[in-house]
Amino acid sequence: MTAAAALVLSLGGAPAALAAEPTPNQSAAAAQLCTDLNKLRSDVTALVGLNPTSATKDQVADAYNDVKNGWDSVSESTATWDAAQKEAIKSAADALKKSWDDLPDDATATDAATKLKPQGQMLDTAVKSARTGLQCPG
């Protein structure tokens, strides 16, 4: 995919942010993290929900970029949350990034959507678990 080179943005740069110290106002930080997790989950749902037979390359690229941006927001959160949940989301996000990076330049939208779906589903599961652990509303 020609758009792949332009969109290969680092999901892997988040480990330092995940290790950040808790903020003084933990409840506000936790609320922000819940908001960011909700947005990430919505973006993942949109990516996983793409129809491989009708999605365009631009739609796949845009959906991936939305997930990447959502992950950036989650990784920048300073709310304290379970290390296992952080690692599960990071691992799933890294797997999605690797699948994206491994797409050949000439991959069709069908190939891309099909290949990204399992990793998107893993990320969705990790986000759901984190939201439950944080007792996020909604």
Protein backbone atom coordinates (compact mmCIF):
# COMPACT_ATOMS: atom_id res chain seq x y z
CA MET A 1 0.00 0.00 0.00
CA THR A 2 1.47 3.34 -0.91
CA ALA A 3 -0.34 4.96 2.01
CA ALA A 4 1.36 2.52 4.38
CA ALA A 5 4.70 4.29 4.25
CA ALA A 6 3.08 7.60 5.09
CA LEU A 7 1.06 6.14 7.94
CA VAL A 8 3.72 4.01 9.58
CA LEU A 9 3.67 5.98 12.78
CA SER A 10 5.14 4.51 15.90
CA LEU A 11 2.75 2.74 18.21
CA GLY A 12 5.81 1.29 19.87
CA GLY A 13 6.97 4.62 21.31
CA ALA A 14 4.57 4.44 24.23
CA PRO A 15 6.32 2.32 26.90
CA ALA A 16 7.82 5.34 28.67
CA ALA A 17 4.43 7.05 28.79
CA LEU A 18 2.85 3.93 30.22
CA ALA A 19 5.37 3.95 33.04
CA ALA A 20 4.58 7.55 33.98
CA GLU A 21 3.99 8.48 37.60
CA PRO A 22 0.39 8.86 38.75
CA THR A 23 -1.07 12.34 38.67
CA PRO A 24 -1.98 14.20 41.85
CA ASN A 25 -5.66 14.18 40.88
CA GLN A 26 -6.08 10.46 40.32
CA SER A 27 -9.84 10.51 39.79
CA ALA A 28 -9.54 13.11 37.01
CA ALA A 29 -6.71 11.10 35.44
CA ALA A 30 -8.75 7.90 35.65
CA ALA A 31 -11.75 9.65 34.09
CA GLN A 32 -9.55 10.90 31.22
CA LEU A 33 -8.16 7.41 30.72
CA CYS A 34 -11.69 6.02 30.57
CA THR A 35 -12.57 8.65 27.96
CA ASP A 36 -9.47 7.77 25.94
CA LEU A 37 -10.20 4.03 26.22
CA ASN A 38 -13.78 4.60 25.04
CA LYS A 39 -12.49 6.52 22.00
CA LEU A 40 -9.90 3.82 21.25
CA ARG A 41 -12.55 1.12 21.51
CA SER A 42 -14.80 3.03 19.12
CA ASP A 43 -11.92 3.39 16.65
CA VAL A 44 -11.03 -0.31 16.92
CA THR A 45 -14.67 -1.25 16.37
CA ALA A 46 -14.70 0.85 13.19
CA LEU A 47 -11.49 -0.80 11.93
CA VAL A 48 -12.68 -4.33 12.70
CA GLY A 49 -16.09 -3.54 11.21
CA LEU A 50 -14.74 -2.61 7.78
CA ASN A 51 -16.20 -4.78 5.06
CA PRO A 52 -13.20 -6.32 3.31
CA THR A 53 -15.06 -6.56 0.03
CA SER A 54 -16.20 -2.95 -0.13
CA ALA A 55 -13.67 -0.93 1.91
CA THR A 56 -11.23 1.24 0.00
CA LYS A 57 -7.52 1.51 0.75
CA ASP A 58 -8.11 5.02 2.06
CA GLN A 59 -10.85 3.81 4.41
CA VAL A 60 -8.55 1.09 5.79
CA ALA A 61 -5.68 3.56 6.17
CA ASP A 62 -7.94 6.14 7.86
CA ALA A 63 -9.35 3.54 10.25
CA TYR A 64 -5.86 2.33 11.14
CA ASN A 65 -4.69 5.92 11.68
CA ASP A 66 -7.65 6.59 13.99
CA VAL A 67 -6.69 3.54 16.08
CA LYS A 68 -3.06 4.68 16.14
CA ASN A 69 -4.09 8.14 17.35
CA GLY A 70 -6.41 6.61 19.95
CA TRP A 71 -3.59 4.43 21.22
CA ASP A 72 -1.34 7.49 21.45
CA SER A 73 -3.93 9.17 23.70
CA VAL A 74 -4.27 6.09 25.92
CA SER A 75 -0.51 5.65 26.18
CA GLU A 76 -0.07 9.28 27.25
CA SER A 77 -2.49 8.91 30.13
CA THR A 78 -0.95 9.23 33.57
CA ALA A 79 -3.72 7.45 35.44
CA THR A 80 -2.59 4.53 37.55
CA TRP A 81 -3.91 1.27 36.25
CA ASP A 82 -2.97 -2.36 36.36
CA ALA A 83 0.39 -3.16 34.74
CA ALA A 84 -1.03 -6.32 33.17
CA GLN A 85 -3.80 -4.32 31.50
CA LYS A 86 -1.28 -1.79 30.20
CA GLU A 87 0.88 -4.58 28.81
CA ALA A 88 -2.10 -6.35 27.22
CA ILE A 89 -3.15 -3.18 25.38
CA LYS A 90 0.43 -2.38 24.38
CA SER A 91 0.99 -5.92 23.07
CA ALA A 92 -2.25 -5.86 21.08
CA ALA A 93 -1.45 -2.40 19.69
CA ASP A 94 2.05 -3.57 18.74
CA ALA A 95 0.59 -6.64 16.98
CA LEU A 96 -1.77 -4.41 15.01
CA LYS A 97 1.10 -2.10 14.07
CA LYS A 98 3.22 -5.08 12.97
CA SER A 99 0.38 -6.37 10.77
CA TRP A 100 0.04 -2.90 9.27
CA ASP A 101 3.78 -2.60 8.71
CA ASP A 102 3.91 -6.08 7.13
CA LEU A 103 1.29 -5.25 4.51
CA PRO A 104 2.88 -5.26 1.06
CA ASP A 105 2.78 -2.02 -0.88
CA ASP A 106 0.41 -3.58 -3.40
CA ALA A 107 -2.01 -5.00 -0.80
CA THR A 108 -5.63 -4.56 -1.71
CA ALA A 109 -8.11 -3.05 0.73
CA THR A 110 -9.62 -6.53 1.07
CA ASP A 111 -6.25 -8.01 2.03
CA ALA A 112 -5.53 -5.17 4.47
CA ALA A 113 -8.92 -5.23 6.20
CA THR A 114 -8.80 -9.02 6.47
CA LYS A 115 -5.26 -9.08 7.86
CA LEU A 116 -5.87 -6.29 10.41
CA LYS A 117 -9.15 -7.68 11.76
CA PRO A 118 -7.75 -10.35 14.16
CA GLN A 119 -5.29 -7.92 15.72
CA GLY A 120 -8.03 -5.31 15.99
CA GLN A 121 -10.21 -7.83 17.80
CA MET A 122 -7.35 -8.60 20.24
CA LEU A 123 -6.96 -4.87 20.91
CA ASP A 124 -10.69 -4.50 21.46
CA THR A 125 -10.62 -7.32 24.03
CA ALA A 126 -7.69 -5.72 25.87
CA VAL A 127 -9.43 -2.34 25.93
CA LYS A 128 -12.65 -3.90 27.24
CA SER A 129 -10.70 -5.57 30.04
CA ALA A 130 -8.96 -2.32 30.99
CA ARG A 131 -12.25 -0.44 31.01
CA THR A 132 -13.75 -3.07 33.29
CA GLY A 133 -10.75 -2.92 35.63
CA LEU A 134 -10.99 0.88 35.81
CA GLN A 135 -14.76 0.70 36.24
CA CYS A 136 -15.24 3.09 33.35
CA PRO A 137 -18.83 4.17 32.81
CA GLY A 138 -20.65 3.09 29.69
